[in-house]
Amino acid sequence: MNKWMIFKGRRLLIYLLVLMPLLISFAPQKNTVNQKKIEREQEKKKREAQKKYENALKRHNRMQTKETQTRMKQTKRESKKKTPIQP
């Protein structure tokens, strides 16, 4: 009976040694999936914030008088010409 328990113990040890690399290899995949999910959510929030900013800017521009709107457009054009091209 003592030999039988030693055999079971060795067998269990062999199973653990064989399965250990598999269990370790699956652990990082879960982290990468979670990381991708977090990145997607951050990107989504960034797009929503950009959209809200653009809407607020459009709202601001619509509230201006015609004369102010034309000056704003002119300033925008001039700033584009004066700004160096960025790579």
Protein backbone atom coordinates (compact mmCIF):
# COMPACT_ATOMS: atom_id res chain seq x y z
CA MET A 1 0.00 0.00 0.00
CA ASN A 2 2.89 2.33 0.70
CA LYS A 3 4.26 1.73 -2.82
CA TRP A 4 0.82 2.49 -4.24
CA MET A 5 0.71 5.88 -2.51
CA ILE A 6 4.21 6.73 -3.75
CA PHE A 7 3.13 5.80 -7.29
CA LYS A 8 0.04 8.05 -6.99
CA GLY A 9 2.20 10.86 -5.64
CA ARG A 10 4.65 10.57 -8.54
CA ARG A 11 1.79 10.39 -10.98
CA LEU A 12 0.26 13.54 -9.52
CA LEU A 13 3.63 15.27 -9.61
CA ILE A 14 4.10 14.35 -13.28
CA TYR A 15 0.62 15.70 -14.11
CA LEU A 16 1.39 18.95 -12.34
CA LEU A 17 4.72 19.31 -14.13
CA VAL A 18 3.05 18.73 -17.49
CA LEU A 19 0.11 21.05 -16.86
CA MET A 20 2.05 23.84 -15.15
CA PRO A 21 3.44 25.41 -18.38
CA LEU A 22 -0.04 25.34 -19.91
CA LEU A 23 -1.58 27.08 -16.91
CA ILE A 24 1.19 29.68 -16.86
CA SER A 25 0.86 30.36 -20.59
CA PHE A 26 -2.87 31.14 -20.29
CA ALA A 27 -2.43 33.67 -17.48
CA PRO A 28 -0.81 36.45 -19.61
CA GLN A 29 -3.50 36.11 -22.28
CA LYS A 30 -6.15 37.13 -19.79
CA ASN A 31 -4.15 40.24 -18.93
CA THR A 32 -3.74 41.21 -22.60
CA VAL A 33 -7.47 40.79 -23.21
CA ASN A 34 -8.25 43.00 -20.22
CA GLN A 35 -5.65 45.53 -21.37
CA LYS A 36 -7.18 45.66 -24.85
CA LYS A 37 -10.62 46.16 -23.34
CA ILE A 38 -9.34 49.03 -21.20
CA GLU A 39 -7.62 50.61 -24.22
CA ARG A 40 -10.82 50.38 -26.27
CA GLU A 41 -12.81 52.06 -23.49
CA GLN A 42 -10.21 54.83 -23.18
CA GLU A 43 -10.24 55.37 -26.95
CA LYS A 44 -14.04 55.53 -26.90
CA LYS A 45 -13.98 58.14 -24.10
CA LYS A 46 -11.38 60.13 -26.02
CA ARG A 47 -13.56 60.15 -29.17
CA GLU A 48 -16.62 61.20 -27.17
CA ALA A 49 -14.69 64.03 -25.52
CA GLN A 50 -13.43 65.21 -28.93
CA LYS A 51 -16.96 65.10 -30.32
CA LYS A 52 -18.30 67.11 -27.36
CA TYR A 53 -15.52 69.67 -27.82
CA GLU A 54 -16.29 70.07 -31.52
CA ASN A 55 -20.00 70.46 -30.80
CA ALA A 56 -19.28 73.10 -28.16
CA LEU A 57 -17.01 74.94 -30.61
CA LYS A 58 -19.69 74.89 -33.29
CA ARG A 59 -22.25 76.15 -30.78
CA HIS A 60 -19.88 78.94 -29.78
CA ASN A 61 -19.30 79.92 -33.42
CA ARG A 62 -23.03 79.99 -34.20
CA MET A 63 -23.65 82.43 -31.34
CA GLN A 64 -21.25 84.97 -32.84
CA THR A 65 -22.34 87.78 -35.16
CA LYS A 66 -21.53 87.57 -38.88
CA GLU A 67 -18.73 90.09 -38.53
CA THR A 68 -17.14 88.14 -35.68
CA GLN A 69 -17.49 84.89 -37.60
CA THR A 70 -15.64 86.32 -40.61
CA ARG A 71 -12.85 87.65 -38.35
CA MET A 72 -12.55 84.24 -36.68
CA LYS A 73 -12.29 82.53 -40.06
CA GLN A 74 -9.66 85.01 -41.19
CA THR A 75 -7.64 84.47 -38.01
CA LYS A 76 -7.87 80.72 -38.48
CA ARG A 77 -6.57 80.98 -42.06
CA GLU A 78 -3.73 83.26 -41.04
CA SER A 79 -2.68 81.00 -38.19
CA LYS A 80 -2.55 78.03 -40.57
CA LYS A 81 -0.26 79.96 -42.89
CA LYS A 82 2.05 81.08 -40.08
CA THR A 83 2.23 77.72 -38.35
CA PRO A 84 5.12 75.56 -39.57
CA ILE A 85 4.25 72.15 -40.97
CA GLN A 86 4.60 69.46 -38.35
CA PRO A 87 5.86 66.00 -39.35
